[in-house]
Amino acid sequence: MTSKDTKSIVFKSDRCIGCYSCVVSCMDQNDLDVAKDGLSWRIVEHVPGKLAGRQRGNASVSIACMHCEDAVCIAACPAGAITRDAATGSVLVDDGLCIGCHACAMACPFGAPRFGSSGKMQKCDGCYARTQFGLEPACVRNCPTHALVYEPVNASMDEKAASAARKLV
């Protein structure tokens, strides 16, 4: 599924300061009315204890849809409303096909599917409208510490492999 051109949003835990810029830019980009629906497609969680080499204190984690390679939400949707874009690898939702049954939410291990006042599933689409024109996703563009980066999938995998190798040596 992944091609050399497929990109993903990668979270760098050692850079996140928990400022919520990613959350606010996601809400703005997608015209999300948090006061009305009480939902955002990206959230920031504060995790107590050691994370990413921090010896003490809390760490912040920015979380959204992972656009999983083997996305169980696609298989769980009885209406066929969830598909993968072949060019970007993004998992997308057609709200015209969504029947609001919540099967995707029950299947997703990350809790990415959200349901607003429309009753239809909503989630991060990787800023599909932006990336089609060569722009970065809004959360990446507005992260002041570059804790979110938009890079080729293979680059992040190569970096993870190198990091794991360094830990073994």
Protein backbone atom coordinates (compact mmCIF):
# COMPACT_ATOMS: atom_id res chain seq x y z
CA MET A 1 0.00 0.00 0.00
CA THR A 2 2.72 2.49 0.88
CA SER A 3 4.57 4.04 -1.99
CA LYS A 4 7.76 6.05 -1.79
CA ASP A 5 5.66 9.22 -2.14
CA THR A 6 3.20 8.44 0.67
CA LYS A 7 3.60 10.80 3.61
CA SER A 8 2.34 10.65 7.16
CA ILE A 9 2.17 12.91 10.18
CA VAL A 10 4.85 11.83 12.64
CA PHE A 11 4.78 12.86 16.31
CA LYS A 12 8.11 13.71 18.00
CA SER A 13 7.31 13.29 21.70
CA ASP A 14 10.48 14.99 22.92
CA ARG A 15 9.44 18.25 21.23
CA CYS A 16 5.79 18.62 22.32
CA ILE A 17 5.09 21.29 24.95
CA GLY A 18 1.33 20.73 25.16
CA CYS A 19 0.39 24.15 23.75
CA TYR A 20 -2.65 22.87 21.80
CA SER A 21 -1.68 24.74 18.60
CA CYS A 22 -2.28 21.51 16.69
CA VAL A 23 -5.77 21.15 18.15
CA VAL A 24 -6.76 24.76 17.45
CA SER A 25 -5.41 24.68 13.88
CA CYS A 26 -7.31 21.43 13.22
CA MET A 27 -10.53 22.97 14.51
CA ASP A 28 -9.96 26.08 12.38
CA GLN A 29 -9.02 24.17 9.21
CA ASN A 30 -12.07 21.92 9.46
CA ASP A 31 -14.55 24.51 10.77
CA LEU A 32 -15.24 22.40 13.86
CA ASP A 33 -17.69 23.98 16.28
CA VAL A 34 -16.38 22.66 19.58
CA ALA A 35 -18.97 24.64 21.55
CA LYS A 36 -21.76 22.91 19.60
CA ASP A 37 -20.39 19.38 19.20
CA GLY A 38 -17.71 19.23 21.89
CA LEU A 39 -15.29 17.43 19.62
CA SER A 40 -11.96 17.92 17.96
CA TRP A 41 -10.29 15.57 15.50
CA ARG A 42 -6.90 16.01 17.20
CA ILE A 43 -6.43 15.94 20.95
CA VAL A 44 -3.52 16.49 23.31
CA GLU A 45 -3.18 14.15 26.28
CA HIS A 46 -0.90 14.82 29.23
CA VAL A 47 0.90 11.67 30.33
CA PRO A 48 2.46 11.47 33.80
CA GLY A 49 5.90 10.00 34.22
CA LYS A 50 8.83 9.25 31.99
CA LEU A 51 8.33 9.57 28.24
CA ALA A 52 10.77 10.23 25.44
CA GLY A 53 13.77 10.48 27.71
CA ARG A 54 12.21 12.90 30.20
CA GLN A 55 13.28 11.93 33.68
CA ARG A 56 10.32 13.41 35.55
CA GLY A 57 7.18 15.45 35.13
CA ASN A 58 4.46 15.15 32.56
CA ALA A 59 4.75 14.71 28.83
CA SER A 60 2.23 15.77 26.22
CA VAL A 61 1.07 13.57 23.37
CA SER A 62 -0.73 14.85 20.27
CA ILE A 63 -3.18 12.22 19.00
CA ALA A 64 -5.37 11.91 15.89
CA CYS A 65 -6.33 9.24 13.38
CA MET A 66 -3.29 7.12 12.57
CA HIS A 67 -4.44 6.30 9.00
CA CYS A 68 -3.42 2.73 9.80
CA GLU A 69 -2.04 0.59 7.02
CA ASP A 70 -4.47 -2.16 8.02
CA ALA A 71 -7.31 0.17 9.07
CA VAL A 72 -9.93 -1.92 10.87
CA CYS A 73 -12.45 0.91 10.57
CA ILE A 74 -12.60 0.33 6.80
CA ALA A 75 -13.53 -3.32 7.25
CA ALA A 76 -15.96 -2.53 10.09
CA CYS A 77 -18.03 0.00 8.13
CA PRO A 78 -21.13 -1.77 6.77
CA ALA A 79 -21.97 1.16 4.47
CA GLY A 80 -18.59 1.36 2.74
CA ALA A 81 -18.27 4.99 3.83
CA ILE A 82 -14.62 4.64 4.86
CA THR A 83 -11.99 4.22 2.15
CA ARG A 84 -8.28 4.74 1.61
CA ASP A 85 -7.05 7.29 -0.90
CA ALA A 86 -4.64 5.44 -3.18
CA ALA A 87 -2.46 8.49 -3.81
CA THR A 88 -2.00 9.72 -0.23
CA GLY A 89 -2.74 6.66 1.87
CA SER A 90 -5.19 8.72 3.95
CA VAL A 91 -8.23 6.98 5.40
CA LEU A 92 -11.22 9.09 4.33
CA VAL A 93 -14.91 9.19 5.26
CA ASP A 94 -17.76 9.90 2.85
CA ASP A 95 -20.36 11.46 5.13
CA GLY A 96 -22.96 10.97 2.41
CA LEU A 97 -22.57 7.21 2.84
CA CYS A 98 -22.08 7.12 6.62
CA ILE A 99 -25.13 5.76 8.45
CA GLY A 100 -23.89 6.72 11.93
CA CYS A 101 -23.88 3.16 13.26
CA HIS A 102 -20.62 3.61 15.28
CA ALA A 103 -19.16 0.29 14.03
CA CYS A 104 -15.96 2.14 13.08
CA ALA A 105 -15.67 3.62 16.58
CA MET A 106 -16.08 0.21 18.18
CA ALA A 107 -13.39 -1.24 15.89
CA CYS A 108 -10.79 1.55 16.13
CA PRO A 109 -8.26 0.84 18.90
CA PHE A 110 -7.23 4.53 18.98
CA GLY A 111 -10.66 6.15 19.42
CA ALA A 112 -10.23 8.29 16.30
CA PRO A 113 -13.83 8.26 15.00
CA ARG A 114 -15.88 11.11 16.44
CA PHE A 115 -19.60 11.77 16.13
CA GLY A 116 -20.97 15.31 16.18
CA SER A 117 -24.50 16.66 16.10
CA SER A 118 -25.01 15.31 12.56
CA GLY A 119 -24.64 11.75 13.87
CA LYS A 120 -22.13 11.03 11.10
CA MET A 121 -18.57 9.93 11.72
CA GLN A 122 -15.88 12.58 11.53
CA LYS A 123 -12.14 12.21 11.93
CA CYS A 124 -8.79 13.54 10.84
CA ASP A 125 -8.39 13.22 7.08
CA GLY A 126 -4.74 14.27 7.13
CA CYS A 127 -5.86 17.66 5.76
CA TYR A 128 -6.59 16.02 2.44
CA ALA A 129 -7.69 19.35 0.91
CA ARG A 130 -4.32 20.91 1.81
CA THR A 131 -2.02 18.01 0.95
CA GLN A 132 -3.54 17.69 -2.54
CA PHE A 133 -1.96 21.08 -3.28
CA GLY A 134 1.42 20.27 -1.75
CA LEU A 135 0.70 21.99 1.57
CA GLU A 136 1.37 20.51 4.99
CA PRO A 137 -1.52 19.50 7.25
CA ALA A 138 -2.67 22.42 9.41
CA CYS A 139 -1.51 20.81 12.67
CA VAL A 140 2.00 20.33 11.25
CA ARG A 141 2.13 23.83 9.77
CA ASN A 142 1.22 25.47 13.08
CA CYS A 143 3.24 23.41 15.56
CA PRO A 144 5.75 25.90 17.03
CA THR A 145 8.21 23.23 18.22
CA HIS A 146 7.97 20.95 15.16
CA ALA A 147 6.67 18.10 17.31
CA LEU A 148 4.50 17.16 14.32
CA VAL A 149 6.27 16.63 11.01
CA TYR A 150 4.92 15.57 7.63
CA GLU A 151 7.38 13.25 5.97
CA PRO A 152 7.60 10.23 3.69
CA VAL A 153 6.52 7.05 5.45
CA ASN A 154 9.82 5.36 4.64
CA ALA A 155 11.78 8.23 6.22
CA SER A 156 10.04 7.80 9.57
CA MET A 157 10.49 4.03 9.41
CA ASP A 158 14.20 4.44 8.60
CA GLU A 159 14.58 6.82 11.55
CA LYS A 160 12.80 4.40 13.90
CA ALA A 161 15.00 1.52 12.73
CA ALA A 162 18.16 3.58 13.26
CA SER A 163 17.00 4.66 16.72
CA ALA A 164 16.27 1.05 17.69
CA ALA A 165 19.69 -0.04 16.42
CA ARG A 166 21.44 2.67 18.48
CA LYS A 167 19.67 1.43 21.61
CA LEU A 168 20.95 -2.10 20.99
CA VAL A 169 24.57 -1.07 20.55
